[in-house]
C-alpha atoms as a PDB file:
ATOM      1  CA  MET A   1     -14.523 -25.775 104.799  1.00  0.00           C
ATOM      2  CA  ARG A   2     -14.237 -22.269 103.282  1.00  0.00           C
ATOM      3  CA  GLU A   3     -11.823 -21.053 106.072  1.00  0.00           C
ATOM      4  CA  LEU A   4      -9.761 -24.214 105.662  1.00  0.00           C
ATOM      5  CA  LEU A   5      -9.522 -23.454 101.879  1.00  0.00           C
ATOM      6  CA  ALA A   6      -8.539 -20.073 102.499  1.00  0.00           C
ATOM      7  CA  ASP A   7      -5.907 -20.889 105.073  1.00  0.00           C
ATOM      8  CA  PHE A   8      -4.749 -23.660 102.689  1.00  0.00           C
ATOM      9  CA  SER A   9      -4.583 -21.213  99.772  1.00  0.00           C
ATOM     10  CA  SER A  10      -2.681 -18.482 101.759  1.00  0.00           C
ATOM     11  CA  TYR A  11      -0.258 -21.035 102.901  1.00  0.00           C
ATOM     12  CA  PHE A  12       0.695 -23.097  99.937  1.00  0.00           C
ATOM     13  CA  CYS A  13      -0.288 -20.862  96.897  1.00  0.00           C
ATOM     14  CA  PRO A  14       2.212 -18.057  96.315  1.00  0.00           C
ATOM     15  CA  SER A  15       0.885 -14.532  95.736  1.00  0.00           C
ATOM     16  CA  ALA A  16       1.915 -12.223  92.920  1.00  0.00           C
ATOM     17  CA  LEU A  17       3.905 -10.300  95.360  1.00  0.00           C
ATOM     18  CA  ASP A  18       5.608 -13.432  96.791  1.00  0.00           C
ATOM     19  CA  GLN A  19       6.710 -14.452  93.306  1.00  0.00           C
ATOM     20  CA  VAL A  20       8.335 -10.726  92.668  1.00  0.00           C
ATOM     21  CA  LEU A  21      10.150 -11.052  96.259  1.00  0.00           C
ATOM     22  CA  ARG A  22      11.557 -14.418  95.700  1.00  0.00           C
ATOM     23  CA  ALA A  23      15.392 -14.789  95.700  1.00  0.00           C
ATOM     24  CA  ASP A  24      15.481 -16.094  92.265  1.00  0.00           C
ATOM     25  CA  SER A  25      12.945 -13.390  90.940  1.00  0.00           C
ATOM     26  CA  VAL A  26      13.826 -11.684  87.790  1.00  0.00           C
ATOM     27  CA  PHE A  27      14.099  -8.455  89.908  1.00  0.00           C
ATOM     28  CA  ASN A  28      16.805  -9.909  92.023  1.00  0.00           C
ATOM     29  CA  ARG A  29      18.792 -11.998  89.659  1.00  0.00           C
ATOM     30  CA  THR A  30      22.281 -10.779  88.664  1.00  0.00           C
ATOM     31  CA  GLN A  31      24.930 -12.376  86.381  1.00  0.00           C
ATOM     32  CA  ARG A  32      26.680 -14.889  88.676  1.00  0.00           C
ATOM     33  CA  PRO A  33      30.598 -15.415  88.597  1.00  0.00           C
ATOM     34  CA  GLY A  34      31.460 -17.668  85.578  1.00  0.00           C
ATOM     35  CA  GLU A  35      28.122 -17.262  84.000  1.00  0.00           C
ATOM     36  CA  ASN A  36      28.274 -16.254  80.406  1.00  0.00           C
ATOM     37  CA  VAL A  37      26.346 -13.603  79.108  1.00  0.00           C
ATOM     38  CA  ARG A  38      23.907 -15.581  76.862  1.00  0.00           C
ATOM     39  CA  ASP A  39      23.157 -18.038  79.772  1.00  0.00           C
ATOM     40  CA  TYR A  40      22.362 -15.051  82.031  1.00  0.00           C
ATOM     41  CA  ILE A  41      19.961 -13.384  79.224  1.00  0.00           C
ATOM     42  CA  SER A  42      18.236 -16.665  78.720  1.00  0.00           C
ATOM     43  CA  VAL A  43      17.600 -17.350  82.482  1.00  0.00           C
ATOM     44  CA  LEU A  44      16.270 -13.684  82.898  1.00  0.00           C
ATOM     45  CA  ARG A  45      14.063 -14.039  79.970  1.00  0.00           C
ATOM     46  CA  GLN A  46      12.612 -16.993  81.089  1.00  0.00           C
ATOM     47  CA  LEU A  47      11.962 -15.669  84.525  1.00  0.00           C
ATOM     48  CA  ALA A  48      10.438 -12.444  83.027  1.00  0.00           C
ATOM     49  CA  ARG A  49       7.823 -14.340  80.941  1.00  0.00           C
ATOM     50  CA  LYS A  50       6.313 -15.574  84.112  1.00  0.00           C
ATOM     51  CA  LEU A  51       5.573 -11.897  84.807  1.00  0.00           C
ATOM     52  CA  SER A  52       3.068 -10.740  81.843  1.00  0.00           C
ATOM     53  CA  MET A  53       3.165  -7.110  83.047  1.00  0.00           C
ATOM     54  CA  LEU A  54       6.969  -6.682  82.037  1.00  0.00           C
ATOM     55  CA  ASP A  55       7.454  -5.124  78.429  1.00  0.00           C
ATOM     56  CA  GLU A  56      10.740  -5.528  76.396  1.00  0.00           C
ATOM     57  CA  GLY A  57      12.133  -2.262  77.442  1.00  0.00           C
ATOM     58  CA  ILE A  58      12.073  -3.060  81.411  1.00  0.00           C
ATOM     59  CA  VAL A  59      13.279  -6.479  80.725  1.00  0.00           C
ATOM     60  CA  LYS A  60      16.301  -5.000  78.904  1.00  0.00           C
ATOM     61  CA  CYS A  61      16.895  -2.610  81.724  1.00  0.00           C
ATOM     62  CA  ILE A  62      16.765  -5.370  84.321  1.00  0.00           C
ATOM     63  CA  ILE A  63      19.271  -7.527  82.115  1.00  0.00           C
ATOM     64  CA  MET A  64      21.608  -4.346  82.157  1.00  0.00           C
ATOM     65  CA  ARG A  65      21.381  -4.118  85.692  1.00  0.00           C
ATOM     66  CA  GLY A  66      22.471  -7.460  86.522  1.00  0.00           C
ATOM     67  CA  LEU A  67      25.396  -7.681  84.263  1.00  0.00           C
ATOM     68  CA  HIS A  68      29.070  -7.781  85.619  1.00  0.00           C
ATOM     69  CA  PRO A  69      30.280  -4.097  85.656  1.00  0.00           C
ATOM     70  CA  HIS A  70      32.966  -4.666  82.930  1.00  0.00           C
ATOM     71  CA  ILE A  71      30.357  -6.152  80.667  1.00  0.00           C
ATOM     72  CA  LYS A  72      27.948  -3.504  81.313  1.00  0.00           C
ATOM     73  CA  ALA A  73      30.335  -0.876  80.613  1.00  0.00           C
ATOM     74  CA  PHE A  74      31.133  -2.591  77.193  1.00  0.00           C
ATOM     75  CA  VAL A  75      27.415  -2.951  76.306  1.00  0.00           C
ATOM     76  CA  LEU A  76      26.840   0.762  77.044  1.00  0.00           C
ATOM     77  CA  GLN A  77      29.819   1.928  74.822  1.00  0.00           C
ATOM     78  CA  HIS A  78      29.325  -0.379  71.869  1.00  0.00           C
ATOM     79  CA  PRO A  79      25.714  -1.471  71.485  1.00  0.00           C
ATOM     80  CA  GLU A  80      26.099  -2.068  67.836  1.00  0.00           C
ATOM     81  CA  GLU A  81      28.692  -4.896  68.253  1.00  0.00           C
ATOM     82  CA  LEU A  82      26.681  -7.133  70.478  1.00  0.00           C
ATOM     83  CA  THR A  83      25.489 -10.389  68.714  1.00  0.00           C
ATOM     84  CA  PHE A  84      24.252 -11.763  72.002  1.00  0.00           C
ATOM     85  CA  TRP A  85      21.778  -8.902  72.792  1.00  0.00           C
ATOM     86  CA  PRO A  86      18.257  -9.589  71.927  1.00  0.00           C
ATOM     87  CA  GLN A  87      16.601  -7.559  69.237  1.00  0.00           C
END
């Protein structure tokens, strides 16, 4: 019975590593074509909440990494003008 439960868990219950490597993981998600910045940030924050090990600084870096290049350039040049950037 123990072996059956272990096999069942390993097959059906994702590990922490599986969650990180998923295609829709916070580490793999980028801003999609036509997706506005507010929606992108909201989705990433929801994904980041599932991983308690992420602090605010890491989440902001992940958000920046996935922004469209022209938006990322604006954010880096004018951070004080952003109303959508989480405080």
